Amino acid sequence: MITPTGLSLLGHPSSLPNLKCVCAGGEAVPTSLKDLWSPFVTFMNAYGPTECSIATHFVHLDVNATISIGPVIPNVNCYVLDSNQQPVPISSVGEVYLGGIGVVNGYINLQDETSARFMADPFAGTGTMFRTGDLGRLLPDGNFEILGRQDSQVKLKGYRIELDEVAEAMMQHPA
């Protein structure tokens, strides 16, 4: 697996004739990158936060494919919910929540953050559901599309970084 940013640094795919498959993940895949690579390799897109055992969605994207993260993999539940944590209609935008056996129990020594992001899964009747912070929608064909974030969180090497907190700390600096 490689991020789209990393993949873009490898140059033209024709320079890697022995490469047969590429799996992009960790960032949104630009259409231009998919269009460049998919004629040369089997081009896969994966999605899934660290809190859910890395990959929850996986899809093959050919030249003609619309960018999506695909359907959920087995044993994963994916919900697109409104601000009241109720399902939105197909093709409507909401926040992505994930459930299933791969969801962790919470963050170590971060009870407030755990309480805000992890909850009982009311749709499965058992297990934990994780609030991703990603905005997305379920498409009529059963694939999911990620449209962005509702906050300013990024991840670096698996660590959550709140960009608003970084900006606030920088503003407090005397320089």
N, C-alpha and C. Protein backbone atom coordinates (compact mmCIF):
# COMPACT_ATOMS: atom_id res chain seq x y z
N MET A 1 0.85 -1.17 0.00
CA MET A 1 0.00 0.00 0.00
C MET A 1 0.89 1.23 0.00
N ILE A 2 0.44 2.26 -0.70
CA ILE A 2 1.18 3.51 -0.81
C ILE A 2 0.17 4.65 -0.87
N THR A 3 0.56 5.78 -0.29
CA THR A 3 -0.33 6.94 -0.39
C THR A 3 -0.29 7.47 -1.82
N PRO A 4 -1.34 8.14 -2.25
CA PRO A 4 -1.31 8.76 -3.57
C PRO A 4 -0.14 9.73 -3.73
N THR A 5 0.19 10.45 -2.67
CA THR A 5 1.33 11.36 -2.73
C THR A 5 2.61 10.59 -3.02
N GLY A 6 2.81 9.49 -2.31
CA GLY A 6 3.99 8.66 -2.54
C GLY A 6 4.02 8.08 -3.94
N LEU A 7 2.86 7.63 -4.42
CA LEU A 7 2.77 7.06 -5.75
C LEU A 7 3.12 8.10 -6.82
N SER A 8 2.70 9.33 -6.61
CA SER A 8 2.99 10.38 -7.59
C SER A 8 4.48 10.67 -7.69
N LEU A 9 5.24 10.32 -6.66
CA LEU A 9 6.69 10.55 -6.67
C LEU A 9 7.46 9.46 -7.42
N LEU A 10 6.79 8.37 -7.77
CA LEU A 10 7.47 7.26 -8.44
C LEU A 10 7.68 7.49 -9.93
N GLY A 11 7.12 8.55 -10.47
CA GLY A 11 7.27 8.83 -11.89
C GLY A 11 6.21 8.13 -12.72
N HIS A 12 6.51 7.93 -13.98
CA HIS A 12 5.54 7.32 -14.89
C HIS A 12 5.52 5.80 -14.69
N PRO A 13 4.33 5.20 -14.69
CA PRO A 13 4.25 3.75 -14.45
C PRO A 13 4.96 2.91 -15.50
N SER A 14 5.17 3.43 -16.69
CA SER A 14 5.90 2.66 -17.71
C SER A 14 7.36 2.43 -17.32
N SER A 15 7.85 3.21 -16.36
CA SER A 15 9.23 3.02 -15.90
C SER A 15 9.35 1.87 -14.90
N LEU A 16 8.22 1.27 -14.52
CA LEU A 16 8.20 0.14 -13.58
C LEU A 16 7.46 -1.03 -14.22
N PRO A 17 8.03 -1.63 -15.27
CA PRO A 17 7.30 -2.65 -16.03
C PRO A 17 6.98 -3.92 -15.26
N ASN A 18 7.70 -4.20 -14.17
CA ASN A 18 7.43 -5.42 -13.39
C ASN A 18 6.37 -5.22 -12.32
N LEU A 19 5.95 -3.99 -12.11
CA LEU A 19 4.92 -3.70 -11.12
C LEU A 19 3.56 -4.06 -11.71
N LYS A 20 2.83 -4.93 -11.03
CA LYS A 20 1.56 -5.42 -11.57
C LYS A 20 0.34 -4.89 -10.83
N CYS A 21 0.52 -4.52 -9.56
CA CYS A 21 -0.63 -4.09 -8.75
C CYS A 21 -0.20 -2.96 -7.83
N VAL A 22 -1.05 -1.95 -7.71
CA VAL A 22 -0.82 -0.84 -6.80
C VAL A 22 -2.07 -0.68 -5.96
N CYS A 23 -1.87 -0.54 -4.65
CA CYS A 23 -2.99 -0.26 -3.75
C CYS A 23 -2.73 1.09 -3.09
N ALA A 24 -3.56 2.06 -3.41
CA ALA A 24 -3.43 3.40 -2.83
C ALA A 24 -4.33 3.50 -1.61
N GLY A 25 -3.89 4.26 -0.62
CA GLY A 25 -4.70 4.46 0.58
C GLY A 25 -4.11 5.54 1.45
N GLY A 26 -4.87 5.95 2.44
CA GLY A 26 -4.41 6.96 3.38
C GLY A 26 -4.71 8.38 2.98
N GLU A 27 -5.09 8.59 1.73
CA GLU A 27 -5.45 9.91 1.21
C GLU A 27 -6.44 9.71 0.08
N ALA A 28 -7.08 10.79 -0.30
CA ALA A 28 -7.97 10.74 -1.47
C ALA A 28 -7.13 10.50 -2.72
N VAL A 29 -7.65 9.67 -3.62
CA VAL A 29 -6.98 9.38 -4.88
C VAL A 29 -7.45 10.38 -5.94
N PRO A 30 -6.55 11.21 -6.47
CA PRO A 30 -6.95 12.11 -7.55
C PRO A 30 -7.27 11.32 -8.82
N THR A 31 -8.27 11.76 -9.54
CA THR A 31 -8.65 11.10 -10.79
C THR A 31 -7.47 11.03 -11.75
N SER A 32 -6.67 12.09 -11.79
CA SER A 32 -5.53 12.11 -12.71
C SER A 32 -4.53 11.00 -12.40
N LEU A 33 -4.33 10.69 -11.12
CA LEU A 33 -3.41 9.63 -10.72
C LEU A 33 -3.98 8.26 -11.10
N LYS A 34 -5.26 8.06 -10.84
CA LYS A 34 -5.92 6.81 -11.23
C LYS A 34 -5.85 6.62 -12.74
N ASP A 35 -6.10 7.68 -13.49
CA ASP A 35 -6.08 7.60 -14.95
C ASP A 35 -4.67 7.32 -15.49
N LEU A 36 -3.65 7.82 -14.81
CA LEU A 36 -2.27 7.57 -15.23
C LEU A 36 -1.87 6.12 -14.98
N TRP A 37 -2.18 5.59 -13.80
CA TRP A 37 -1.68 4.28 -13.39
C TRP A 37 -2.54 3.11 -13.84
N SER A 38 -3.84 3.27 -13.90
CA SER A 38 -4.71 2.11 -14.15
C SER A 38 -4.51 1.42 -15.50
N PRO A 39 -4.03 2.07 -16.55
CA PRO A 39 -3.76 1.31 -17.78
C PRO A 39 -2.54 0.38 -17.66
N PHE A 40 -1.68 0.61 -16.67
CA PHE A 40 -0.43 -0.15 -16.54
C PHE A 40 -0.47 -1.22 -15.45
N VAL A 41 -1.30 -1.03 -14.44
CA VAL A 41 -1.34 -1.95 -13.29
C VAL A 41 -2.79 -2.17 -12.88
N THR A 42 -3.00 -3.18 -12.05
CA THR A 42 -4.28 -3.30 -11.37
C THR A 42 -4.25 -2.24 -10.27
N PHE A 43 -5.15 -1.27 -10.36
CA PHE A 43 -5.13 -0.12 -9.45
C PHE A 43 -6.24 -0.28 -8.42
N MET A 44 -5.86 -0.39 -7.15
CA MET A 44 -6.81 -0.58 -6.06
C MET A 44 -6.82 0.66 -5.17
N ASN A 45 -7.98 0.93 -4.59
CA ASN A 45 -8.12 2.01 -3.62
C ASN A 45 -8.61 1.38 -2.33
N ALA A 46 -7.96 1.71 -1.22
CA ALA A 46 -8.34 1.18 0.09
C ALA A 46 -8.66 2.34 1.03
N TYR A 47 -9.58 2.09 1.95
CA TYR A 47 -9.97 3.10 2.94
C TYR A 47 -10.12 2.40 4.28
N GLY A 48 -9.76 3.08 5.32
CA GLY A 48 -9.99 2.59 6.66
C GLY A 48 -9.09 3.28 7.65
N PRO A 49 -9.65 3.79 8.72
CA PRO A 49 -8.83 4.44 9.74
C PRO A 49 -8.11 3.42 10.62
N THR A 50 -7.06 3.87 11.25
CA THR A 50 -6.27 3.04 12.15
C THR A 50 -7.16 2.40 13.22
N GLU A 51 -8.17 3.12 13.66
CA GLU A 51 -9.05 2.63 14.73
C GLU A 51 -9.89 1.43 14.30
N CYS A 52 -9.87 1.12 13.03
CA CYS A 52 -10.69 0.01 12.51
C CYS A 52 -9.84 -1.02 11.78
N SER A 53 -8.66 -1.31 12.31
CA SER A 53 -7.77 -2.34 11.75
C SER A 53 -7.36 -2.06 10.32
N ILE A 54 -7.13 -0.84 10.00
CA ILE A 54 -6.57 -0.33 8.75
C ILE A 54 -7.54 -0.29 7.58
N ALA A 55 -7.93 -1.42 7.00
CA ALA A 55 -8.76 -1.38 5.79
C ALA A 55 -10.19 -1.84 6.07
N THR A 56 -11.15 -1.00 5.71
CA THR A 56 -12.57 -1.36 5.84
C THR A 56 -13.26 -1.42 4.49
N HIS A 57 -12.64 -0.81 3.49
CA HIS A 57 -13.18 -0.78 2.12
C HIS A 57 -12.03 -1.02 1.15
N PHE A 58 -12.34 -1.64 0.02
CA PHE A 58 -11.32 -2.00 -0.95
C PHE A 58 -11.98 -2.10 -2.31
N VAL A 59 -11.42 -1.45 -3.34
CA VAL A 59 -12.06 -1.48 -4.66
C VAL A 59 -11.01 -1.39 -5.77
N HIS A 60 -11.29 -2.07 -6.86
CA HIS A 60 -10.47 -1.97 -8.08
C HIS A 60 -11.00 -0.79 -8.89
N LEU A 61 -10.10 0.10 -9.30
CA LEU A 61 -10.48 1.26 -10.11
C LEU A 61 -9.80 1.16 -11.47
N ASP A 62 -10.60 0.97 -12.52
CA ASP A 62 -10.02 1.00 -13.86
C ASP A 62 -10.14 2.41 -14.43
N VAL A 63 -9.69 2.59 -15.65
CA VAL A 63 -9.68 3.93 -16.27
C VAL A 63 -11.06 4.56 -16.27
N ASN A 64 -12.10 3.77 -16.48
CA ASN A 64 -13.46 4.31 -16.59
C ASN A 64 -14.18 4.45 -15.25
N ALA A 65 -13.57 3.99 -14.17
CA ALA A 65 -14.24 3.98 -12.87
C ALA A 65 -14.30 5.37 -12.25
N THR A 66 -15.40 5.63 -11.59
CA THR A 66 -15.52 6.82 -10.76
C THR A 66 -14.79 6.54 -9.45
N ILE A 67 -14.09 7.53 -8.93
CA ILE A 67 -13.35 7.33 -7.69
C ILE A 67 -14.33 7.06 -6.56
N SER A 68 -14.12 5.94 -5.88
CA SER A 68 -14.87 5.62 -4.67
C SER A 68 -13.95 4.79 -3.79
N ILE A 69 -14.41 4.48 -2.59
CA ILE A 69 -13.65 3.57 -1.73
C ILE A 69 -14.22 2.16 -1.81
N GLY A 70 -15.25 1.99 -2.62
CA GLY A 70 -15.83 0.67 -2.82
C GLY A 70 -16.81 0.28 -1.73
N PRO A 71 -17.21 -0.98 -1.72
CA PRO A 71 -18.11 -1.48 -0.69
C PRO A 71 -17.30 -1.85 0.56
N VAL A 72 -17.99 -2.10 1.66
CA VAL A 72 -17.29 -2.55 2.87
C VAL A 72 -16.81 -3.98 2.67
N ILE A 73 -15.73 -4.32 3.36
CA ILE A 73 -15.23 -5.69 3.33
C ILE A 73 -16.06 -6.51 4.32
N PRO A 74 -15.96 -7.84 4.25
CA PRO A 74 -16.73 -8.67 5.19
C PRO A 74 -16.42 -8.33 6.65
N ASN A 75 -17.43 -8.47 7.49
CA ASN A 75 -17.35 -8.23 8.93
C ASN A 75 -17.19 -6.77 9.32
N VAL A 76 -17.46 -5.87 8.38
CA VAL A 76 -17.43 -4.43 8.64
C VAL A 76 -18.82 -3.88 8.37
N ASN A 77 -19.26 -2.98 9.22
CA ASN A 77 -20.51 -2.25 9.00
C ASN A 77 -20.15 -0.80 8.76
N CYS A 78 -20.71 -0.21 7.73
CA CYS A 78 -20.46 1.19 7.42
C CYS A 78 -21.80 1.91 7.35
N TYR A 79 -21.89 3.01 8.09
CA TYR A 79 -23.12 3.78 8.14
C TYR A 79 -22.81 5.23 7.77
N VAL A 80 -23.71 5.85 7.04
CA VAL A 80 -23.63 7.29 6.77
C VAL A 80 -24.79 7.90 7.53
N LEU A 81 -24.44 8.70 8.56
CA LEU A 81 -25.44 9.17 9.51
C LEU A 81 -25.51 10.69 9.55
N ASP A 82 -26.67 11.19 9.97
CA ASP A 82 -26.86 12.63 10.15
C ASP A 82 -26.38 13.05 11.53
N SER A 83 -26.61 14.31 11.89
CA SER A 83 -26.13 14.83 13.18
C SER A 83 -26.83 14.20 14.37
N ASN A 84 -27.94 13.51 14.14
CA ASN A 84 -28.65 12.77 15.20
C ASN A 84 -28.31 11.29 15.18
N GLN A 85 -27.28 10.93 14.45
CA GLN A 85 -26.82 9.55 14.30
C GLN A 85 -27.91 8.64 13.73
N GLN A 86 -28.65 9.18 12.77
CA GLN A 86 -29.66 8.41 12.04
C GLN A 86 -29.22 8.29 10.58
N PRO A 87 -29.51 7.16 9.94
CA PRO A 87 -29.09 6.97 8.54
C PRO A 87 -29.68 8.04 7.62
N VAL A 88 -28.86 8.50 6.69
CA VAL A 88 -29.32 9.43 5.66
C VAL A 88 -29.73 8.62 4.43
N PRO A 89 -30.56 9.18 3.56
CA PRO A 89 -30.94 8.46 2.33
C PRO A 89 -29.73 8.19 1.44
N ILE A 90 -29.83 7.17 0.61
CA ILE A 90 -28.77 6.85 -0.36
C ILE A 90 -28.45 8.10 -1.18
N SER A 91 -27.18 8.33 -1.40
CA SER A 91 -26.61 9.47 -2.14
C SER A 91 -26.59 10.76 -1.34
N SER A 92 -27.13 10.76 -0.12
CA SER A 92 -27.08 11.96 0.72
C SER A 92 -25.79 11.96 1.53
N VAL A 93 -25.30 13.14 1.83
CA VAL A 93 -24.05 13.29 2.57
C VAL A 93 -24.31 13.23 4.06
N GLY A 94 -23.44 12.53 4.76
CA GLY A 94 -23.48 12.45 6.21
C GLY A 94 -22.09 12.08 6.71
N GLU A 95 -22.00 11.84 8.01
CA GLU A 95 -20.73 11.43 8.59
C GLU A 95 -20.62 9.91 8.54
N VAL A 96 -19.43 9.42 8.23
CA VAL A 96 -19.18 7.99 8.12
C VAL A 96 -18.87 7.42 9.50
N TYR A 97 -19.60 6.36 9.86
CA TYR A 97 -19.37 5.60 11.09
C TYR A 97 -19.06 4.17 10.68
N LEU A 98 -18.16 3.53 11.42
CA LEU A 98 -17.78 2.16 11.11
C LEU A 98 -17.98 1.26 12.32
N GLY A 99 -18.45 0.06 12.07
CA GLY A 99 -18.63 -0.93 13.12
C GLY A 99 -18.13 -2.27 12.63
N GLY A 100 -18.14 -3.24 13.53
CA GLY A 100 -17.71 -4.59 13.16
C GLY A 100 -16.58 -5.06 14.04
N ILE A 101 -16.08 -6.24 13.72
CA ILE A 101 -15.11 -6.88 14.61
C ILE A 101 -13.75 -6.18 14.63
N GLY A 102 -13.43 -5.35 13.67
CA GLY A 102 -12.13 -4.70 13.62
C GLY A 102 -12.03 -3.40 14.38
N VAL A 103 -13.13 -2.90 14.93
CA VAL A 103 -13.11 -1.62 15.63
C VAL A 103 -12.46 -1.80 17.01
N VAL A 104 -11.49 -0.95 17.32
CA VAL A 104 -10.83 -1.03 18.62
C VAL A 104 -11.77 -0.52 19.71
N ASN A 105 -11.39 -0.73 20.97
CA ASN A 105 -12.25 -0.33 22.09
C ASN A 105 -12.14 1.14 22.44
N GLY A 106 -11.10 1.81 21.99
CA GLY A 106 -10.92 3.22 22.31
C GLY A 106 -9.45 3.58 22.32
N TYR A 107 -9.18 4.79 22.78
CA TYR A 107 -7.82 5.30 22.84
C TYR A 107 -7.25 5.10 24.25
N ILE A 108 -6.00 4.71 24.34
CA ILE A 108 -5.36 4.50 25.63
C ILE A 108 -5.16 5.85 26.32
N ASN A 109 -5.63 5.94 27.56
CA ASN A 109 -5.47 7.13 28.40
C ASN A 109 -6.09 8.40 27.82
N LEU A 110 -7.09 8.25 26.96
CA LEU A 110 -7.80 9.41 26.39
C LEU A 110 -9.30 9.17 26.49
N GLN A 111 -9.81 9.16 27.71
CA GLN A 111 -11.20 8.82 27.94
C GLN A 111 -12.17 9.78 27.27
N ASP A 112 -11.90 11.08 27.30
CA ASP A 112 -12.82 12.04 26.68
C ASP A 112 -12.90 11.82 25.17
N GLU A 113 -11.75 11.63 24.54
CA GLU A 113 -11.73 11.38 23.09
C GLU A 113 -12.40 10.04 22.77
N THR A 114 -12.16 9.05 23.60
CA THR A 114 -12.81 7.74 23.40
C THR A 114 -14.32 7.88 23.49
N SER A 115 -14.81 8.61 24.48
CA SER A 115 -16.26 8.79 24.64
C SER A 115 -16.87 9.53 23.46
N ALA A 116 -16.12 10.45 22.87
CA ALA A 116 -16.64 11.23 21.75
C ALA A 116 -16.65 10.45 20.44
N ARG A 117 -15.78 9.47 20.29
CA ARG A 117 -15.62 8.80 19.00
C ARG A 117 -16.09 7.35 18.96
N PHE A 118 -16.21 6.71 20.11
CA PHE A 118 -16.61 5.30 20.15
C PHE A 118 -17.91 5.16 20.93
N MET A 119 -18.83 4.35 20.41
CA MET A 119 -20.12 4.15 21.07
C MET A 119 -20.65 2.78 20.71
N ALA A 120 -21.67 2.35 21.43
CA ALA A 120 -22.33 1.08 21.10
C ALA A 120 -22.95 1.20 19.71
N ASP A 121 -22.90 0.12 18.96
CA ASP A 121 -23.46 0.10 17.60
C ASP A 121 -24.94 -0.24 17.68
N PRO A 122 -25.83 0.75 17.55
CA PRO A 122 -27.26 0.49 17.69
C PRO A 122 -27.86 -0.25 16.50
N PHE A 123 -27.15 -0.26 15.39
CA PHE A 123 -27.69 -0.88 14.18
C PHE A 123 -27.37 -2.37 14.11
N ALA A 124 -26.24 -2.76 14.69
CA ALA A 124 -25.85 -4.17 14.69
C ALA A 124 -26.38 -4.90 15.92
N GLY A 125 -26.75 -4.13 16.95
CA GLY A 125 -27.26 -4.74 18.17
C GLY A 125 -26.16 -5.19 19.12
N THR A 126 -24.94 -5.19 18.66
CA THR A 126 -23.80 -5.57 19.49
C THR A 126 -22.55 -4.92 18.92
N GLY A 127 -21.53 -4.79 19.73
CA GLY A 127 -20.27 -4.25 19.25
C GLY A 127 -20.17 -2.74 19.36
N THR A 128 -19.07 -2.24 18.86
CA THR A 128 -18.72 -0.82 18.95
C THR A 128 -18.78 -0.18 17.57
N MET A 129 -19.14 1.09 17.57
CA MET A 129 -19.20 1.88 16.35
C MET A 129 -18.23 3.06 16.52
N PHE A 130 -17.48 3.39 15.46
CA PHE A 130 -16.49 4.45 15.49
C PHE A 130 -16.92 5.61 14.61
N ARG A 131 -16.89 6.80 15.16
CA ARG A 131 -17.21 8.03 14.44
C ARG A 131 -15.93 8.52 13.76
N THR A 132 -15.88 8.42 12.41
CA THR A 132 -14.63 8.69 11.70
C THR A 132 -14.29 10.17 11.55
N GLY A 133 -15.30 11.03 11.50
CA GLY A 133 -15.07 12.43 11.18
C GLY A 133 -15.04 12.69 9.69
N ASP A 134 -15.13 11.63 8.89
CA ASP A 134 -15.16 11.77 7.43
C ASP A 134 -16.58 12.00 6.95
N LEU A 135 -16.73 12.85 5.96
CA LEU A 135 -18.01 13.05 5.31
C LEU A 135 -18.06 12.16 4.08
N GLY A 136 -19.18 11.50 3.88
CA GLY A 136 -19.28 10.61 2.74
C GLY A 136 -20.72 10.33 2.39
N ARG A 137 -20.88 9.41 1.44
CA ARG A 137 -22.22 8.99 1.05
C ARG A 137 -22.17 7.58 0.49
N LEU A 138 -23.29 6.89 0.64
CA LEU A 138 -23.48 5.58 0.04
C LEU A 138 -24.09 5.81 -1.33
N LEU A 139 -23.44 5.27 -2.35
CA LEU A 139 -23.92 5.43 -3.72
C LEU A 139 -24.93 4.33 -4.06
N PRO A 140 -25.78 4.56 -5.05
CA PRO A 140 -26.80 3.56 -5.40
C PRO A 140 -26.22 2.19 -5.77
N ASP A 141 -24.97 2.14 -6.24
CA ASP A 141 -24.37 0.85 -6.62
C ASP A 141 -23.75 0.10 -5.45
N GLY A 142 -23.87 0.65 -4.22
CA GLY A 142 -23.34 -0.02 -3.04
C GLY A 142 -21.93 0.40 -2.66
N ASN A 143 -21.31 1.23 -3.48
CA ASN A 143 -19.99 1.76 -3.15
C ASN A 143 -20.15 3.00 -2.27
N PHE A 144 -19.11 3.31 -1.52
CA PHE A 144 -19.09 4.49 -0.68
C PHE A 144 -18.12 5.50 -1.26
N GLU A 145 -18.43 6.76 -1.05
CA GLU A 145 -17.59 7.86 -1.54
C GLU A 145 -17.25 8.75 -0.35
N ILE A 146 -15.98 9.08 -0.20
CA ILE A 146 -15.54 10.00 0.85
C ILE A 146 -15.38 11.38 0.22
N LEU A 147 -15.97 12.38 0.87
CA LEU A 147 -16.00 13.74 0.32
C LEU A 147 -15.11 14.72 1.06
N GLY A 148 -14.57 14.31 2.19
CA GLY A 148 -13.73 15.21 2.97
C GLY A 148 -13.91 14.95 4.45
N ARG A 149 -13.50 15.93 5.26
CA ARG A 149 -13.62 15.79 6.72
C ARG A 149 -14.50 16.91 7.25
N GLN A 150 -15.11 16.63 8.38
CA GLN A 150 -15.90 17.67 9.02
C GLN A 150 -15.09 18.40 10.08
N ASP A 151 -13.86 17.98 10.29
CA ASP A 151 -12.97 18.66 11.23
C ASP A 151 -11.64 18.90 10.52
N SER A 152 -10.64 19.29 11.27
CA SER A 152 -9.34 19.57 10.66
C SER A 152 -8.29 18.57 11.12
N GLN A 153 -8.71 17.33 11.37
CA GLN A 153 -7.78 16.30 11.82
C GLN A 153 -7.04 15.67 10.64
N VAL A 154 -5.77 15.44 10.84
CA VAL A 154 -4.98 14.66 9.90
C VAL A 154 -4.25 13.59 10.72
N LYS A 155 -3.75 12.59 10.04
CA LYS A 155 -2.96 11.56 10.72
C LYS A 155 -1.58 11.51 10.09
N LEU A 156 -0.59 11.36 10.95
CA LEU A 156 0.79 11.23 10.52
C LEU A 156 1.38 10.03 11.23
N LYS A 157 1.73 9.01 10.48
CA LYS A 157 2.28 7.76 11.03
C LYS A 157 1.35 7.18 12.09
N GLY A 158 0.05 7.29 11.88
CA GLY A 158 -0.93 6.72 12.80
C GLY A 158 -1.30 7.61 13.97
N TYR A 159 -0.64 8.75 14.11
CA TYR A 159 -0.96 9.67 15.20
C TYR A 159 -1.94 10.73 14.72
N ARG A 160 -2.97 10.97 15.53
CA ARG A 160 -3.96 12.00 15.20
C ARG A 160 -3.36 13.37 15.49
N ILE A 161 -3.49 14.28 14.54
CA ILE A 161 -3.03 15.65 14.72
C ILE A 161 -4.20 16.57 14.41
N GLU A 162 -4.55 17.41 15.38
CA GLU A 162 -5.63 18.37 15.21
C GLU A 162 -5.00 19.68 14.73
N LEU A 163 -5.22 20.02 13.47
CA LEU A 163 -4.58 21.20 12.90
C LEU A 163 -5.01 22.49 13.59
N ASP A 164 -6.25 22.54 14.09
CA ASP A 164 -6.69 23.73 14.82
C ASP A 164 -5.87 23.91 16.10
N GLU A 165 -5.53 22.80 16.78
CA GLU A 165 -4.71 22.88 17.98
C GLU A 165 -3.29 23.32 17.65
N VAL A 166 -2.75 22.86 16.53
CA VAL A 166 -1.42 23.28 16.10
C VAL A 166 -1.42 24.78 15.81
N ALA A 167 -2.44 25.25 15.10
CA ALA A 167 -2.54 26.68 14.78
C ALA A 167 -2.66 27.51 16.05
N GLU A 168 -3.45 27.03 17.01
CA GLU A 168 -3.61 27.75 18.27
C GLU A 168 -2.29 27.83 19.03
N ALA A 169 -1.55 26.73 19.07
CA ALA A 169 -0.25 26.72 19.75
C ALA A 169 0.72 27.68 19.07
N MET A 170 0.67 27.74 17.75
CA MET A 170 1.55 28.66 17.03
C MET A 170 1.19 30.11 17.33
N MET A 171 -0.09 30.39 17.47
CA MET A 171 -0.52 31.76 17.77
C MET A 171 -0.09 32.19 19.18
N GLN A 172 0.10 31.22 20.08
CA GLN A 172 0.51 31.52 21.45
C GLN A 172 2.01 31.80 21.55
N HIS A 173 2.76 31.42 20.52
CA HIS A 173 4.21 31.60 20.54
C HIS A 173 4.54 33.09 20.49
N PRO A 174 5.51 33.55 21.30
CA PRO A 174 5.80 34.98 21.35
C PRO A 174 6.39 35.56 20.06
N ALA A 175 6.92 34.75 19.19
CA ALA A 175 7.51 35.28 17.96
C ALA A 175 6.40 35.71 17.07
